[in-house]
Amino acid sequence: MLALTGAKADDWLPSHAYLGLDALPTAVRRIDYAALTAGRDPDMIRRVYNIAGVIQPESAGPFQGPAAQWTEHLVTLVRTVKMNGFVIWPKRDHVQQIRAFAAEVVPAVREALAPET
């Protein structure tokens, strides 16, 4: 399926629950290889990671911790795995979690990824 994604698809939407952080880089490499083999630019494939988690004071694993931890994970995913979009599914307190994500995580990620001037 990853080869087909690389060869033909415009988008790819894996879920953290089924494709964890440890397996994601290998999957991306397979997609990139298939895209290149098919004569496509791998960077033209939209890569959106579906994440269920919670922003909370203490870390309990990936995407279950403070905003700074979320920021670190997302920046790493953009820089090293070439993910370029995220879908966030709060596990609880949906409105509060979306607000925290928008107010704390998004600006920090944008700042970390901003080109140096």
C-alpha atoms as a PDB file:
ATOM      1  CA  MET A   1       0.000   0.000   0.000  1.00  0.00           C
ATOM      2  CA  LEU A   2       2.877   2.395   0.730  1.00  0.00           C
ATOM      3  CA  ALA A   3       4.306   1.799  -2.744  1.00  0.00           C
ATOM      4  CA  LEU A   4       0.930   2.621  -4.280  1.00  0.00           C
ATOM      5  CA  THR A   5       0.737   5.761  -2.148  1.00  0.00           C
ATOM      6  CA  GLY A   6       4.130   6.922  -3.374  1.00  0.00           C
ATOM      7  CA  ALA A   7       3.408   6.076  -6.988  1.00  0.00           C
ATOM      8  CA  LYS A   8      -0.106   7.484  -7.285  1.00  0.00           C
ATOM      9  CA  ALA A   9      -1.493   9.340  -4.246  1.00  0.00           C
ATOM     10  CA  ASP A  10      -1.600  13.054  -3.558  1.00  0.00           C
ATOM     11  CA  ASP A  11      -2.103  12.573   0.183  1.00  0.00           C
ATOM     12  CA  TRP A  12      -1.266  10.147   2.972  1.00  0.00           C
ATOM     13  CA  LEU A  13      -3.004  10.106   6.363  1.00  0.00           C
ATOM     14  CA  PRO A  14      -1.535   7.576   8.799  1.00  0.00           C
ATOM     15  CA  SER A  15      -2.722   7.445  12.402  1.00  0.00           C
ATOM     16  CA  HIS A  16      -0.378   7.476  15.373  1.00  0.00           C
ATOM     17  CA  ALA A  17      -2.462   4.727  16.993  1.00  0.00           C
ATOM     18  CA  TYR A  18      -1.647   2.346  14.126  1.00  0.00           C
ATOM     19  CA  LEU A  19       1.658   3.693  12.846  1.00  0.00           C
ATOM     20  CA  GLY A  20       3.727   4.876  15.789  1.00  0.00           C
ATOM     21  CA  LEU A  21       6.637   7.264  15.856  1.00  0.00           C
ATOM     22  CA  ASP A  22       9.102   4.382  15.611  1.00  0.00           C
ATOM     23  CA  ALA A  23       7.595   2.995  12.380  1.00  0.00           C
ATOM     24  CA  LEU A  24       6.782   6.291  10.672  1.00  0.00           C
ATOM     25  CA  PRO A  25      10.255   7.041   9.209  1.00  0.00           C
ATOM     26  CA  THR A  26      10.459   3.656   7.479  1.00  0.00           C
ATOM     27  CA  ALA A  27       6.995   4.101   5.990  1.00  0.00           C
ATOM     28  CA  VAL A  28       7.922   7.560   4.699  1.00  0.00           C
ATOM     29  CA  ARG A  29      11.106   6.205   3.103  1.00  0.00           C
ATOM     30  CA  ARG A  30       9.065   3.532   1.305  1.00  0.00           C
ATOM     31  CA  ILE A  31       6.644   6.164   0.003  1.00  0.00           C
ATOM     32  CA  ASP A  32       9.501   8.419  -1.110  1.00  0.00           C
ATOM     33  CA  TYR A  33      11.229   5.546  -2.912  1.00  0.00           C
ATOM     34  CA  ALA A  34       8.015   4.586  -4.718  1.00  0.00           C
ATOM     35  CA  ALA A  35       7.394   8.195  -5.706  1.00  0.00           C
ATOM     36  CA  LEU A  36      10.900   8.611  -7.096  1.00  0.00           C
ATOM     37  CA  THR A  37      10.655   5.284  -8.932  1.00  0.00           C
ATOM     38  CA  ALA A  38       7.400   6.493 -10.513  1.00  0.00           C
ATOM     39  CA  GLY A  39       9.039   9.771 -11.551  1.00  0.00           C
ATOM     40  CA  ARG A  40       7.208  11.817  -8.951  1.00  0.00           C
ATOM     41  CA  ASP A  41       8.506  14.412  -6.492  1.00  0.00           C
ATOM     42  CA  PRO A  42       7.948  12.876  -3.034  1.00  0.00           C
ATOM     43  CA  ASP A  43       7.687  16.346  -1.510  1.00  0.00           C
ATOM     44  CA  MET A  44       4.463  16.913  -3.455  1.00  0.00           C
ATOM     45  CA  ILE A  45       2.660  14.265  -1.386  1.00  0.00           C
ATOM     46  CA  ARG A  46       0.726  15.797   1.496  1.00  0.00           C
ATOM     47  CA  ARG A  47       1.582  13.857   4.679  1.00  0.00           C
ATOM     48  CA  VAL A  48      -0.895  14.370   7.483  1.00  0.00           C
ATOM     49  CA  TYR A  49      -0.437  12.569  10.797  1.00  0.00           C
ATOM     50  CA  ASN A  50      -3.601  11.741  12.714  1.00  0.00           C
ATOM     51  CA  ILE A  51      -2.891  12.094  16.443  1.00  0.00           C
ATOM     52  CA  ALA A  52      -5.087  11.265  19.433  1.00  0.00           C
ATOM     53  CA  GLY A  53      -3.671  12.661  22.627  1.00  0.00           C
ATOM     54  CA  VAL A  54      -3.896  15.147  25.424  1.00  0.00           C
ATOM     55  CA  ILE A  55      -1.941  18.188  26.495  1.00  0.00           C
ATOM     56  CA  GLN A  56      -1.325  17.778  30.205  1.00  0.00           C
ATOM     57  CA  PRO A  57       1.263  18.836  32.793  1.00  0.00           C
ATOM     58  CA  GLU A  58       3.012  15.468  33.153  1.00  0.00           C
ATOM     59  CA  SER A  59       4.333  13.271  30.348  1.00  0.00           C
ATOM     60  CA  ALA A  60       2.719   9.866  29.947  1.00  0.00           C
ATOM     61  CA  GLY A  61       4.189   9.112  26.521  1.00  0.00           C
ATOM     62  CA  PRO A  62       4.098  10.596  23.037  1.00  0.00           C
ATOM     63  CA  PHE A  63       1.292  13.135  22.578  1.00  0.00           C
ATOM     64  CA  GLN A  64       0.328  12.802  26.227  1.00  0.00           C
ATOM     65  CA  GLY A  65       2.249  15.544  27.952  1.00  0.00           C
ATOM     66  CA  PRO A  66       3.043  19.242  28.172  1.00  0.00           C
ATOM     67  CA  ALA A  67       2.765  21.616  25.218  1.00  0.00           C
ATOM     68  CA  ALA A  68       6.568  21.743  24.995  1.00  0.00           C
ATOM     69  CA  GLN A  69       6.679  17.973  24.483  1.00  0.00           C
ATOM     70  CA  TRP A  70       4.022  18.202  21.772  1.00  0.00           C
ATOM     71  CA  THR A  71       6.016  20.970  20.119  1.00  0.00           C
ATOM     72  CA  GLU A  72       9.185  18.887  20.171  1.00  0.00           C
ATOM     73  CA  HIS A  73       7.429  15.880  18.617  1.00  0.00           C
ATOM     74  CA  LEU A  74       5.728  17.907  15.876  1.00  0.00           C
ATOM     75  CA  VAL A  75       8.864  19.852  14.946  1.00  0.00           C
ATOM     76  CA  THR A  76      10.814  16.595  14.751  1.00  0.00           C
ATOM     77  CA  LEU A  77       8.130  15.049  12.544  1.00  0.00           C
ATOM     78  CA  VAL A  78       8.266  17.995  10.152  1.00  0.00           C
ATOM     79  CA  ARG A  79      12.047  18.202  10.024  1.00  0.00           C
ATOM     80  CA  THR A  80      13.062  14.559   9.975  1.00  0.00           C
ATOM     81  CA  VAL A  81      10.050  12.661   8.653  1.00  0.00           C
ATOM     82  CA  LYS A  82       8.674  15.372   6.345  1.00  0.00           C
ATOM     83  CA  MET A  83       5.157  15.314   7.782  1.00  0.00           C
ATOM     84  CA  ASN A  84       3.434  18.534   6.710  1.00  0.00           C
ATOM     85  CA  GLY A  85       0.081  18.437   8.444  1.00  0.00           C
ATOM     86  CA  PHE A  86      -1.548  17.139  11.589  1.00  0.00           C
ATOM     87  CA  VAL A  87      -5.059  16.189  12.664  1.00  0.00           C
ATOM     88  CA  ILE A  88      -5.520  16.414  16.415  1.00  0.00           C
ATOM     89  CA  TRP A  89      -8.108  14.329  18.277  1.00  0.00           C
ATOM     90  CA  PRO A  90      -8.197  15.252  21.979  1.00  0.00           C
ATOM     91  CA  LYS A  91      -8.853  12.255  24.211  1.00  0.00           C
ATOM     92  CA  ARG A  92     -10.806  14.414  26.675  1.00  0.00           C
ATOM     93  CA  ASP A  93     -11.817  18.005  27.414  1.00  0.00           C
ATOM     94  CA  HIS A  94     -12.118  18.657  23.687  1.00  0.00           C
ATOM     95  CA  VAL A  95     -12.708  22.416  23.748  1.00  0.00           C
ATOM     96  CA  GLN A  96      -9.994  23.081  26.341  1.00  0.00           C
ATOM     97  CA  GLN A  97      -7.539  20.826  24.507  1.00  0.00           C
ATOM     98  CA  ILE A  98      -8.113  22.493  21.129  1.00  0.00           C
ATOM     99  CA  ARG A  99      -7.676  25.895  22.772  1.00  0.00           C
ATOM    100  CA  ALA A 100      -4.434  24.792  24.428  1.00  0.00           C
ATOM    101  CA  PHE A 101      -3.171  23.334  21.165  1.00  0.00           C
ATOM    102  CA  ALA A 102      -3.993  26.531  19.258  1.00  0.00           C
ATOM    103  CA  ALA A 103      -2.613  28.879  21.912  1.00  0.00           C
ATOM    104  CA  GLU A 104       0.496  26.992  23.021  1.00  0.00           C
ATOM    105  CA  VAL A 105       1.569  24.321  20.563  1.00  0.00           C
ATOM    106  CA  VAL A 106       0.845  25.909  17.177  1.00  0.00           C
ATOM    107  CA  PRO A 107       2.739  29.172  17.826  1.00  0.00           C
ATOM    108  CA  ALA A 108       5.694  27.290  19.312  1.00  0.00           C
ATOM    109  CA  VAL A 109       5.881  24.939  16.324  1.00  0.00           C
ATOM    110  CA  ARG A 110       5.653  27.838  13.875  1.00  0.00           C
ATOM    111  CA  GLU A 111       8.392  29.697  15.715  1.00  0.00           C
ATOM    112  CA  ALA A 112      10.654  26.649  15.801  1.00  0.00           C
ATOM    113  CA  LEU A 113      10.163  26.033  12.078  1.00  0.00           C
ATOM    114  CA  ALA A 114      10.435  29.653  10.965  1.00  0.00           C
ATOM    115  CA  PRO A 115      13.384  30.309   8.692  1.00  0.00           C
ATOM    116  CA  GLU A 116      16.205  32.165  10.383  1.00  0.00           C
ATOM    117  CA  THR A 117      16.576  35.715   9.130  1.00  0.00           C
END
